[in-house]
Amino acid sequence: MPPTETTTMARLGVTAVAVAVGILLPAGVASAAPASPLPTPSPGAVTVTKAGTSFLTATGITAGQPVNVAGSTGDYLYWSFAASAGQTSDVAVNVTLPPAADRHGPSTWTVDVFDGLRRRQACTAGAQAPTAAATDTTVALNCILRQVRAWAEPWSGDPLPGTYYVRLSTTELPEQDLGLPIQVELLVGAVDDDNIVPEDGDLKTPLVPAVEPGAILPAGGTAATPDASASPDPAAQAANEDEGFFFGWFDGWFDGFSSRWIWTAAGGVLAAVAGVVGFALTRRPRRVVVR
């Protein structure tokens, strides 16, 4: 029986679908592959077993140094590491969740990275804020930063050499699950690019914040007094010179008042004088009526 036109069209349609599936299947399999491998610990690196609770108390780590910390859900955990120009940092975090029987719902975890000026840096790849189901035992987070530049404009948010902070937190969590124990594993990897194009500039100093909580007094003692013979602070000396010669006339006269008080009083006097002069200039003479 000769094939009809409908049967021929059906066969052609099936053949086209089979060819399309054969073409798209390898592409789909390739897209499912990970974008980049996770960092690996450096040989002989000492494991860090603590974390900070703020920017000031962030625990310092190095690239390739593993971190294994016990914490609680709802805590903010901070670490800091140094990055130089040409490096691309990869932050990988693995959180072991509490038993499923103790949890009451899904939870969302977030890893954020800040530079030395505490500006939040964007992640170019990785699961930065995954959501763990109530039955999951672990949740993996990953953040690949942009390549650190040698310099940048002040208004830009480009990553610059200096200190970087990593913060792990929970953004969405059932209130009943707060305080449950967790185990956090963190690792920061750094890839150096030897083929980086030289830039027309260089950062003068790395973006490392000055952390000076204060001097610790000795037991039963007092704070050390500055040495009078020491040379004066150049910054303070320059500030005193910038005050000008006018305020030098009144040194010691108004120790309890600042320059704002002096300018306010002078402005009030000038305003009063200007008001009197203006009234005298605009006052109309009285008309004399002759009877």
Protein backbone atom coordinates (compact mmCIF):
# COMPACT_ATOMS: atom_id res chain seq x y z
CA MET A 1 0.00 0.00 0.00
CA PRO A 2 1.68 3.27 -1.01
CA PRO A 3 2.29 5.76 1.78
CA THR A 4 -0.07 8.65 1.91
CA GLU A 5 0.91 12.28 2.15
CA THR A 6 -0.07 12.40 5.85
CA THR A 7 2.21 9.46 6.70
CA THR A 8 5.14 11.07 4.91
CA MET A 9 4.70 14.34 6.78
CA ALA A 10 4.54 12.49 10.13
CA ARG A 11 7.81 10.68 9.38
CA LEU A 12 9.52 13.93 8.46
CA GLY A 13 8.29 15.51 11.71
CA VAL A 14 9.64 12.64 13.82
CA THR A 15 13.00 12.82 12.04
CA ALA A 16 13.28 16.59 12.65
CA VAL A 17 12.49 16.14 16.36
CA ALA A 18 15.12 13.40 16.68
CA VAL A 19 17.77 15.58 15.01
CA ALA A 20 16.92 18.54 17.25
CA VAL A 21 17.16 16.41 20.40
CA GLY A 22 20.52 15.04 19.26
CA ILE A 23 21.86 18.55 18.75
CA LEU A 24 20.54 20.06 21.98
CA LEU A 25 21.32 17.16 24.31
CA PRO A 26 25.13 17.68 24.44
CA ALA A 27 24.64 21.38 25.01
CA GLY A 28 22.29 20.68 27.93
CA VAL A 29 24.71 18.23 29.47
CA ALA A 30 27.59 20.69 29.09
CA SER A 31 25.60 23.50 30.71
CA ALA A 32 24.94 21.35 33.77
CA ALA A 33 28.68 21.06 34.48
CA PRO A 34 30.08 23.33 37.22
CA ALA A 35 31.45 26.67 36.09
CA SER A 36 34.72 26.28 37.99
CA PRO A 37 36.16 23.82 40.52
CA LEU A 38 36.00 24.69 44.19
CA PRO A 39 39.21 25.76 45.93
CA THR A 40 41.40 23.14 47.62
CA PRO A 41 43.24 23.56 50.94
CA SER A 42 46.94 24.32 50.88
CA PRO A 43 49.21 21.44 52.01
CA GLY A 44 50.11 21.77 55.67
CA ALA A 45 47.72 24.67 56.34
CA VAL A 46 46.49 24.95 59.95
CA THR A 47 42.71 24.74 60.35
CA VAL A 48 41.04 27.78 61.90
CA THR A 49 38.44 26.94 64.55
CA LYS A 50 36.97 30.34 65.38
CA ALA A 51 35.12 33.23 63.78
CA GLY A 52 34.39 36.83 64.64
CA THR A 53 31.00 38.39 65.27
CA SER A 54 31.64 41.80 63.63
CA PHE A 55 34.01 43.59 61.28
CA LEU A 56 36.27 44.58 64.17
CA THR A 57 36.54 41.05 65.54
CA ALA A 58 36.77 39.20 62.21
CA THR A 59 39.15 36.25 62.33
CA GLY A 60 42.06 36.58 59.93
CA ILE A 61 42.72 33.72 57.51
CA THR A 62 44.84 33.21 54.42
CA ALA A 63 44.06 31.78 51.00
CA GLY A 64 44.05 28.01 51.14
CA GLN A 65 43.61 27.86 54.93
CA PRO A 66 40.58 25.73 55.88
CA VAL A 67 38.08 26.90 58.50
CA ASN A 68 35.95 24.58 60.64
CA VAL A 69 33.76 26.39 63.16
CA ALA A 70 30.85 25.34 65.35
CA GLY A 71 28.09 27.94 65.57
CA SER A 72 24.39 28.51 65.93
CA THR A 73 21.68 29.42 63.45
CA GLY A 74 21.07 33.14 63.45
CA ASP A 75 24.68 34.08 64.22
CA TYR A 76 26.73 36.43 62.05
CA LEU A 77 30.17 34.95 61.41
CA TYR A 78 33.03 37.09 60.07
CA TRP A 79 36.44 36.27 58.60
CA SER A 80 39.02 38.47 56.86
CA PHE A 81 41.71 37.78 54.28
CA ALA A 82 44.14 39.80 52.17
CA ALA A 83 44.07 40.04 48.37
CA SER A 84 46.57 41.68 46.02
CA ALA A 85 46.26 43.05 42.51
CA GLY A 86 45.66 40.43 39.84
CA GLN A 87 44.03 37.90 42.19
CA THR A 88 40.59 36.38 41.79
CA SER A 89 39.24 35.12 45.12
CA ASP A 90 36.85 32.19 45.44
CA VAL A 91 34.94 31.81 48.72
CA ALA A 92 33.39 28.37 49.32
CA VAL A 93 31.23 27.62 52.38
CA ASN A 94 29.60 24.37 53.45
CA VAL A 95 27.13 24.47 56.36
CA THR A 96 26.06 21.29 58.14
CA LEU A 97 22.48 21.91 59.22
CA PRO A 98 20.81 20.71 62.42
CA PRO A 99 18.86 17.42 62.31
CA ALA A 100 15.71 17.61 60.21
CA ALA A 101 13.60 16.54 63.20
CA ASP A 102 14.59 19.75 65.05
CA ARG A 103 13.87 22.14 62.17
CA HIS A 104 10.52 23.68 61.30
CA GLY A 105 10.97 24.77 57.69
CA PRO A 106 13.38 25.86 54.95
CA SER A 107 16.20 28.32 55.59
CA THR A 108 18.07 30.74 53.33
CA TRP A 109 21.78 31.31 53.84
CA THR A 110 23.89 34.16 52.45
CA VAL A 111 27.62 34.75 52.08
CA ASP A 112 28.65 38.39 51.59
CA VAL A 113 32.11 39.77 50.83
CA PHE A 114 33.17 43.34 51.70
CA ASP A 115 36.37 45.22 50.86
CA GLY A 116 38.55 47.28 53.19
CA LEU A 117 36.10 50.20 52.96
CA ARG A 118 33.28 47.79 53.88
CA ARG A 119 31.69 48.08 50.47
CA ARG A 120 29.80 44.97 49.46
CA GLN A 121 31.45 43.29 46.47
CA ALA A 122 29.40 41.54 43.80
CA CYS A 123 29.85 37.85 43.05
CA THR A 124 30.41 36.91 39.42
CA ALA A 125 29.46 33.24 39.92
CA GLY A 126 28.42 30.79 42.59
CA ALA A 127 25.38 30.13 44.80
CA GLN A 128 25.52 33.19 47.03
CA ALA A 129 22.10 32.81 48.72
CA PRO A 130 20.82 29.22 48.42
CA THR A 131 17.75 27.93 50.22
CA ALA A 132 17.93 24.65 52.13
CA ALA A 133 14.81 22.54 52.42
CA ALA A 134 13.62 21.25 55.76
CA THR A 135 14.97 17.78 54.91
CA ASP A 136 18.42 18.86 53.68
CA THR A 137 21.43 18.00 55.80
CA THR A 138 23.90 20.47 54.28
CA VAL A 139 23.87 23.65 52.20
CA ALA A 140 26.74 24.83 49.98
CA LEU A 141 27.51 28.49 49.25
CA ASN A 142 30.01 29.90 46.79
CA CYS A 143 31.10 33.39 45.75
CA ILE A 144 33.68 34.17 43.06
CA LEU A 145 34.77 37.79 43.20
CA ARG A 146 35.97 40.02 40.41
CA GLN A 147 39.66 40.32 39.74
CA VAL A 148 41.39 42.75 42.08
CA ARG A 149 42.56 45.87 40.28
CA ALA A 150 45.75 47.83 40.91
CA TRP A 151 43.81 51.10 41.17
CA ALA A 152 40.38 52.56 40.46
CA GLU A 153 38.51 55.85 40.50
CA PRO A 154 37.26 56.98 43.93
CA TRP A 155 33.62 56.82 42.84
CA SER A 156 33.82 53.26 41.51
CA GLY A 157 33.24 50.09 43.51
CA ASP A 158 35.96 48.03 41.85
CA PRO A 159 37.86 45.60 44.10
CA LEU A 160 41.22 46.99 45.19
CA PRO A 161 44.18 45.44 47.03
CA GLY A 162 43.74 45.17 50.77
CA THR A 163 41.63 43.40 53.36
CA TYR A 164 38.39 41.63 52.47
CA TYR A 165 35.71 40.47 54.88
CA VAL A 166 33.51 37.38 54.56
CA ARG A 167 30.18 37.32 56.40
CA LEU A 168 27.98 34.25 56.71
CA SER A 169 24.41 34.79 57.88
CA THR A 170 20.88 33.44 57.71
CA THR A 171 18.42 35.74 55.97
CA GLU A 172 15.25 33.63 56.21
CA LEU A 173 14.70 31.15 59.02
CA PRO A 174 11.76 29.97 61.14
CA GLU A 175 11.90 31.67 64.52
CA GLN A 176 11.73 28.32 66.31
CA ASP A 177 15.02 27.28 64.65
CA LEU A 178 17.10 30.13 66.09
CA GLY A 179 19.99 28.88 68.19
CA LEU A 180 20.22 25.37 66.77
CA PRO A 181 23.81 24.10 66.41
CA ILE A 182 25.52 24.14 63.01
CA GLN A 183 28.97 23.31 61.66
CA VAL A 184 30.58 25.67 59.15
CA GLU A 185 33.41 24.82 56.79
CA LEU A 186 34.94 27.68 54.81
CA LEU A 187 37.80 27.95 52.36
CA VAL A 188 39.09 30.93 50.39
CA GLY A 189 41.00 30.26 47.20
CA ALA A 190 43.03 32.78 45.23
CA VAL A 191 44.03 32.52 41.57
CA ASP A 192 46.83 34.80 40.36
CA ASP A 193 46.71 36.03 36.78
CA ASP A 194 50.23 36.48 35.45
CA ASN A 195 48.93 37.92 32.18
CA ILE A 196 47.23 40.90 33.78
CA VAL A 197 47.43 44.03 31.66
CA PRO A 198 49.43 46.77 33.42
CA GLU A 199 47.30 49.72 34.44
CA ASP A 200 48.22 53.39 34.37
CA GLY A 201 48.27 53.72 38.12
CA ASP A 202 48.92 52.04 41.43
CA LEU A 203 47.13 52.17 44.76
CA LYS A 204 49.30 54.07 47.23
CA THR A 205 48.37 51.93 50.24
CA PRO A 206 46.13 48.84 50.50
CA LEU A 207 42.60 49.29 51.78
CA VAL A 208 43.29 48.07 55.29
CA PRO A 209 41.08 49.71 57.94
CA ALA A 210 42.81 51.09 61.02
CA VAL A 211 41.51 49.11 63.99
CA GLU A 212 42.54 50.85 67.22
CA PRO A 213 40.22 49.77 70.04
CA GLY A 214 42.35 51.58 72.66
CA ALA A 215 45.27 51.09 75.00
CA ILE A 216 45.07 48.48 77.75
CA LEU A 217 46.02 49.85 81.15
CA PRO A 218 48.41 47.79 83.28
CA ALA A 219 47.12 46.29 86.49
CA GLY A 220 46.92 49.04 89.12
CA GLY A 221 48.53 51.58 86.80
CA THR A 222 47.53 54.57 84.74
CA ALA A 223 47.79 55.42 81.13
CA ALA A 224 51.20 56.39 79.90
CA THR A 225 51.72 60.13 79.57
CA PRO A 226 53.15 61.43 76.32
CA ASP A 227 56.79 62.43 76.28
CA ALA A 228 57.13 66.19 76.27
CA SER A 229 60.48 65.98 74.49
CA ALA A 230 58.99 64.05 71.60
CA SER A 231 58.56 65.84 68.33
CA PRO A 232 55.09 67.30 67.74
CA ASP A 233 52.61 65.56 65.53
CA PRO A 234 52.99 66.90 61.95
CA ALA A 235 49.25 66.60 61.31
CA ALA A 236 48.37 68.58 64.45
CA GLN A 237 51.00 71.20 63.66
CA ALA A 238 49.63 71.62 60.13
CA ALA A 239 46.10 71.94 61.51
CA ASN A 240 47.21 74.73 63.87
CA GLU A 241 48.94 76.56 61.03
CA ASP A 242 45.82 76.34 58.87
CA GLU A 243 43.80 78.27 61.45
CA GLY A 244 45.27 81.52 60.14
CA PHE A 245 46.76 84.58 61.77
CA PHE A 246 43.43 86.04 62.91
CA PHE A 247 42.79 83.45 65.62
CA GLY A 248 46.36 83.78 66.82
CA TRP A 249 45.44 87.16 68.34
CA PHE A 250 42.92 85.54 70.66
CA ASP A 251 45.01 82.62 71.91
CA GLY A 252 44.02 81.95 75.52
CA TRP A 253 41.11 84.42 75.52
CA PHE A 254 38.29 82.08 74.60
CA ASP A 255 39.51 78.67 75.70
CA GLY A 256 35.97 77.56 76.45
CA PHE A 257 34.61 78.71 73.09
CA SER A 258 35.24 77.42 69.62
CA SER A 259 35.64 79.41 66.43
CA ARG A 260 31.93 78.88 65.74
CA TRP A 261 31.03 81.02 68.76
CA ILE A 262 33.36 83.81 67.62
CA TRP A 263 31.96 83.89 64.09
CA THR A 264 28.39 83.74 65.40
CA ALA A 265 28.93 86.72 67.71
CA ALA A 266 30.71 88.69 65.00
CA GLY A 267 27.95 87.94 62.55
CA GLY A 268 25.31 89.14 65.02
CA VAL A 269 27.12 92.43 65.55
CA LEU A 270 27.53 92.98 61.82
CA ALA A 271 23.86 92.22 61.23
CA ALA A 272 22.80 94.75 63.86
CA VAL A 273 25.06 97.46 62.38
CA ALA A 274 23.78 96.73 58.87
CA GLY A 275 20.20 97.03 60.11
CA VAL A 276 20.81 100.43 61.71
CA VAL A 277 22.64 101.77 58.65
CA GLY A 278 19.94 100.48 56.32
CA PHE A 279 17.20 102.08 58.38
CA ALA A 280 19.05 105.40 58.37
CA LEU A 281 19.48 105.36 54.61
CA THR A 282 15.91 104.44 53.80
CA ARG A 283 14.14 106.61 56.39
CA ARG A 284 12.14 109.37 54.76
CA PRO A 285 12.44 112.91 56.17
CA ARG A 286 9.43 114.26 58.00
CA ARG A 287 7.31 116.77 56.15
CA VAL A 288 6.95 120.14 57.83
CA VAL A 289 3.40 121.47 57.57
CA VAL A 290 3.28 125.32 57.30
CA ARG A 291 0.05 126.87 58.41
